[in-house]
Amino acid sequence: MTQHALLRRSRPRVLDACCGAGGAAVGYHRAGFDVLGVDIAPQPNYPFPFVQADAVEFVREHGADFDFIHSSWPCQHHTALTKGTNKGREYPDLIPAGRAAMESTGRPWVIENVMPAPIRRDVVLCGEMFGLGVTRHRKFETSGWSFTPPVHLPHRGRTRGYRHGRYYDGPYYPVYGDGGGKGTVPEWQAAMGIDWTDVRKEIAEAIPPAYTHWIATQYLSHEKRAAA
C-alpha cells in the first residue's frame, strides 16, 4: 500500500507539493486536514508523512487520490534576488508543468508563490493580516473553489535591518539571508509562527502556517456551501 493511502479518510486530505520543511502543511493540519508532503529533496524536519519524489510526476500519478492540492513550485526563478544578488544562477520554472499536472487531476487546487511569479493574483496574503512579525506577501492562484479575499491591512512600519549601511527599526523581521540585523532564529520562529524547525534556511523558504490555515478554512467553507 502506498504511503498516501494510509492517510485517514475521516478527514479531508491535502497533497502538499514541493513541501519544503512544512510551513504550508502545518496550516492545513491545524484547519483539519491530513497532509502528505512531496519534495524532490529530503525534508527531515517535515512534521507529517512525506514522500521524496518528483512533485510534478507525483501530482500527475496520485493527485486525484486527494481532496485538495497545494503547490509551492520553486520560486527562485522569479525572485528579485535572482535578478540581483544571485544573478547568473539558473533555477527551474516548474509552474507551467505543475499547473498542468494539477489540472489533469480534476481536483481543486492552489498555487502559492512570490509576487513576481507568473500566476494569477486571485488572493494576496500578508503577515499583517494575521498579526505576524513579517509582511511576506505571497499571491495565490486557485482553481475549483471560491472565497472572499481578506482586506489587506496597512503596514505598521518598516521591516527592520540594514539598508545601504543604515539600520532601520520596525515591527517586521526580514526572514531571508544572513545579513546583519535580520534577527535570531527564535525571533524568526516567532515572527513566522514556526516552531518545529530551527534551521534558518528552512524558515526562510517557508510561508507562515497562518496563510494556509486561512486557505484551508476558506476551502472547507466552500465545500460546506456546495453541499448545502
Protein backbone atom coordinates (compact mmCIF):
# COMPACT_ATOMS: atom_id res chain seq x y z
CA MET A 1 0.00 0.00 0.00
CA THR A 2 1.36 3.44 -0.86
CA GLN A 3 2.12 5.85 1.93
CA HIS A 4 -0.51 8.38 0.81
CA ALA A 5 -3.16 5.66 1.00
CA LEU A 6 -2.50 5.38 4.74
CA LEU A 7 -3.90 8.84 5.47
CA ARG A 8 -7.15 8.67 7.40
CA ARG A 9 -10.26 9.08 5.28
CA SER A 10 -12.28 10.63 8.10
CA ARG A 11 -10.58 13.99 7.42
CA PRO A 12 -10.04 15.79 4.10
CA ARG A 13 -6.65 15.03 2.59
CA VAL A 14 -4.29 17.56 1.04
CA LEU A 15 -1.27 16.86 -1.13
CA ASP A 16 1.48 19.38 -0.33
CA ALA A 17 3.66 19.53 -3.47
CA CYS A 18 7.19 20.95 -3.20
CA CYS A 19 6.54 20.94 0.51
CA GLY A 20 9.88 22.07 1.90
CA ALA A 21 10.00 21.89 5.69
CA GLY A 22 6.24 22.21 6.12
CA GLY A 23 5.20 25.85 6.53
CA ALA A 24 2.14 25.28 4.35
CA ALA A 25 1.44 21.82 5.75
CA VAL A 26 1.03 22.93 9.36
CA GLY A 27 -1.65 25.46 8.38
CA TYR A 28 -3.69 22.78 6.62
CA HIS A 29 -3.29 20.36 9.51
CA ARG A 30 -4.45 22.96 12.05
CA ALA A 31 -7.55 23.55 9.90
CA GLY A 32 -8.47 19.85 9.97
CA PHE A 33 -6.67 18.25 7.02
CA ASP A 34 -4.45 15.20 6.88
CA VAL A 35 -1.35 16.13 4.94
CA LEU A 36 1.14 14.32 2.73
CA GLY A 37 4.24 16.19 1.65
CA VAL A 38 6.18 15.57 -1.56
CA ASP A 39 9.53 17.08 -2.42
CA ILE A 40 12.45 16.10 -4.61
CA ALA A 41 14.86 16.84 -1.74
CA PRO A 42 14.93 15.12 1.68
CA GLN A 43 12.94 17.02 4.31
CA PRO A 44 13.94 15.53 7.68
CA ASN A 45 12.03 18.18 9.65
CA TYR A 46 8.75 17.82 7.76
CA PRO A 47 6.20 17.11 10.52
CA PHE A 48 3.82 14.83 8.58
CA PRO A 49 4.03 11.80 6.25
CA PHE A 50 6.50 12.55 3.46
CA VAL A 51 7.45 11.08 0.09
CA GLN A 52 10.69 12.02 -1.64
CA ALA A 53 9.81 12.21 -5.33
CA ASP A 54 9.46 14.49 -8.32
CA ALA A 55 6.45 16.59 -7.29
CA VAL A 56 5.10 17.18 -10.81
CA GLU A 57 5.13 13.45 -11.60
CA PHE A 58 3.64 12.60 -8.20
CA VAL A 59 0.78 15.04 -8.74
CA ARG A 60 0.07 13.53 -12.16
CA GLU A 61 0.07 9.98 -10.81
CA HIS A 62 -1.57 10.41 -7.40
CA GLY A 63 -3.14 13.89 -7.17
CA ALA A 64 -6.65 12.59 -7.90
CA ASP A 65 -6.45 10.49 -4.70
CA PHE A 66 -6.57 13.67 -2.60
CA ASP A 67 -9.34 16.13 -1.81
CA PHE A 68 -7.19 19.21 -2.38
CA ILE A 69 -3.74 20.01 -3.80
CA HIS A 70 -1.43 22.75 -2.57
CA SER A 71 1.69 23.60 -4.54
CA SER A 72 4.64 25.87 -3.82
CA TRP A 73 6.58 25.35 -7.04
CA PRO A 74 10.17 26.65 -6.68
CA CYS A 75 10.14 30.45 -6.70
CA GLN A 76 13.85 31.31 -7.15
CA HIS A 77 13.37 31.71 -10.90
CA HIS A 78 11.05 34.67 -10.21
CA THR A 79 12.50 36.35 -7.11
CA ALA A 80 14.19 39.74 -7.02
CA LEU A 81 17.30 38.09 -5.57
CA THR A 82 17.71 36.00 -8.72
CA LYS A 83 17.84 39.21 -10.74
CA GLY A 84 20.23 40.83 -8.26
CA THR A 85 22.37 39.04 -5.70
CA ASN A 86 22.00 35.64 -7.39
CA LYS A 87 22.15 36.92 -10.97
CA GLY A 88 23.62 34.37 -13.35
CA ARG A 89 22.39 31.30 -11.48
CA GLU A 90 19.91 29.03 -13.21
CA TYR A 91 16.71 27.94 -11.47
CA PRO A 92 13.90 25.79 -12.89
CA ASP A 93 10.44 27.21 -13.56
CA LEU A 94 8.05 24.39 -12.66
CA ILE A 95 4.89 26.49 -12.61
CA PRO A 96 3.60 25.66 -16.14
CA ALA A 97 4.20 21.91 -15.79
CA GLY A 98 2.92 21.90 -12.22
CA ARG A 99 -0.26 23.75 -13.12
CA ALA A 100 -0.92 21.34 -15.97
CA ALA A 101 -0.38 18.36 -13.65
CA MET A 102 -2.85 19.73 -11.11
CA GLU A 103 -5.43 20.50 -13.79
CA SER A 104 -5.19 16.90 -15.01
CA THR A 105 -6.36 15.58 -11.62
CA GLY A 106 -9.76 17.29 -11.66
CA ARG A 107 -9.23 18.28 -8.00
CA PRO A 108 -9.43 21.77 -6.52
CA TRP A 109 -6.00 23.30 -6.05
CA VAL A 110 -3.95 26.34 -5.15
CA ILE A 111 -0.55 27.58 -6.29
CA GLU A 112 1.40 29.78 -3.86
CA ASN A 113 4.33 31.87 -4.99
CA VAL A 114 6.22 35.16 -4.73
CA MET A 115 4.72 38.36 -6.08
CA PRO A 116 6.70 38.48 -9.38
CA ALA A 117 5.72 34.89 -10.30
CA PRO A 118 3.55 34.42 -13.42
CA ILE A 119 0.43 33.17 -11.65
CA ARG A 120 -2.96 34.82 -11.26
CA ARG A 121 -3.36 37.13 -8.31
CA ASP A 122 -6.58 35.56 -7.02
CA VAL A 123 -5.64 36.50 -3.47
CA VAL A 124 -2.62 38.12 -1.80
CA LEU A 125 -1.85 37.33 1.83
CA CYS A 126 0.36 39.39 4.14
CA GLY A 127 1.59 38.66 7.65
CA GLU A 128 -0.07 41.80 8.99
CA MET A 129 -3.46 40.21 8.25
CA PHE A 130 -2.63 37.57 10.87
CA GLY A 131 -0.72 39.64 13.43
CA LEU A 132 2.65 38.20 12.44
CA GLY A 133 6.11 39.73 12.65
CA VAL A 134 6.60 39.59 8.87
CA THR A 135 4.85 41.11 5.89
CA ARG A 136 5.96 38.34 3.49
CA HIS A 137 3.49 38.98 0.69
CA ARG A 138 2.53 35.87 -1.25
CA LYS A 139 -0.02 35.50 -4.01
CA PHE A 140 -2.22 32.50 -4.67
CA GLU A 141 -3.82 31.17 -7.84
CA THR A 142 -6.81 28.93 -7.22
CA SER A 143 -8.99 26.55 -9.20
CA GLY A 144 -12.19 24.64 -8.41
CA TRP A 145 -13.41 26.64 -5.38
CA SER A 146 -14.40 30.16 -4.38
CA PHE A 147 -13.79 32.54 -1.47
CA THR A 148 -13.93 36.17 -0.38
CA PRO A 149 -10.45 37.78 -0.28
CA PRO A 150 -9.46 39.40 3.02
CA VAL A 151 -8.73 43.10 3.43
CA HIS A 152 -5.04 43.94 3.00
CA LEU A 153 -4.29 45.90 6.18
CA PRO A 154 -1.88 48.86 6.22
CA HIS A 155 1.60 48.03 7.47
CA ARG A 156 2.52 49.35 10.91
CA GLY A 157 6.05 50.40 9.99
CA ARG A 158 9.26 49.26 8.33
CA THR A 159 10.98 45.90 8.09
CA ARG A 160 13.92 46.12 10.43
CA GLY A 161 17.51 45.69 9.31
CA TYR A 162 20.25 47.40 7.35
CA ARG A 163 19.61 49.19 4.06
CA HIS A 164 22.68 50.62 2.29
CA GLY A 165 24.65 50.73 5.52
CA ARG A 166 21.92 52.29 7.65
CA TYR A 167 19.92 50.38 10.28
CA TYR A 168 16.14 50.79 10.41
CA ASP A 169 13.90 49.55 13.20
CA GLY A 170 10.36 48.33 12.73
CA PRO A 171 7.76 45.72 13.72
CA TYR A 172 8.68 43.19 10.99
CA TYR A 173 11.62 40.85 10.52
CA PRO A 174 13.31 40.22 7.15
CA VAL A 175 13.18 36.41 7.14
CA TYR A 176 15.76 35.72 4.46
CA GLY A 177 19.53 35.69 4.06
CA ASP A 178 22.24 36.04 6.68
CA GLY A 179 22.96 39.75 6.66
CA GLY A 180 23.33 41.82 9.80
CA GLY A 181 20.33 42.90 11.81
CA LYS A 182 17.96 40.28 10.41
CA GLY A 183 17.06 38.64 13.68
CA THR A 184 17.87 35.46 15.55
CA VAL A 185 16.38 32.07 14.82
CA PRO A 186 13.96 32.34 17.79
CA GLU A 187 12.87 35.76 16.54
CA TRP A 188 12.28 34.35 13.05
CA GLN A 189 10.33 31.44 14.50
CA ALA A 190 8.08 33.77 16.47
CA ALA A 191 7.62 36.15 13.54
CA MET A 192 6.57 33.34 11.18
CA GLY A 193 4.61 31.17 13.62
CA ILE A 194 7.00 28.25 13.07
CA ASP A 195 8.20 26.13 15.99
CA TRP A 196 9.04 22.67 14.59
CA THR A 197 12.31 23.59 12.83
CA ASP A 198 15.19 25.79 13.91
CA VAL A 199 17.03 25.60 10.60
CA ARG A 200 17.38 29.14 9.30
CA LYS A 201 17.25 28.17 5.61
CA GLU A 202 14.07 26.14 6.14
CA ILE A 203 12.35 29.00 7.92
CA ALA A 204 13.46 31.45 5.23
CA GLU A 205 11.98 29.29 2.46
CA ALA A 206 8.67 28.66 4.25
CA ILE A 207 5.40 30.53 4.30
CA PRO A 208 3.65 31.22 7.61
CA PRO A 209 1.17 28.45 8.52
CA ALA A 210 -1.42 31.17 9.12
CA TYR A 211 -1.66 31.65 5.33
CA THR A 212 -2.64 28.09 4.55
CA HIS A 213 -4.87 27.88 7.62
CA TRP A 214 -6.85 30.72 6.03
CA ILE A 215 -6.79 29.00 2.61
CA ALA A 216 -7.94 25.72 4.17
CA THR A 217 -10.81 27.24 6.12
CA GLN A 218 -11.98 29.09 3.00
CA TYR A 219 -11.94 25.85 1.00
CA LEU A 220 -13.83 23.96 3.72
CA SER A 221 -16.43 26.75 3.84
CA HIS A 222 -16.80 26.49 0.07
CA GLU A 223 -17.37 22.74 0.34
CA LYS A 224 -19.95 23.24 3.09
CA ARG A 225 -21.85 25.77 0.97
CA ALA A 226 -21.70 23.45 -2.05
CA ALA A 227 -23.05 20.53 0.00
CA ALA A 228 -25.93 22.67 1.29
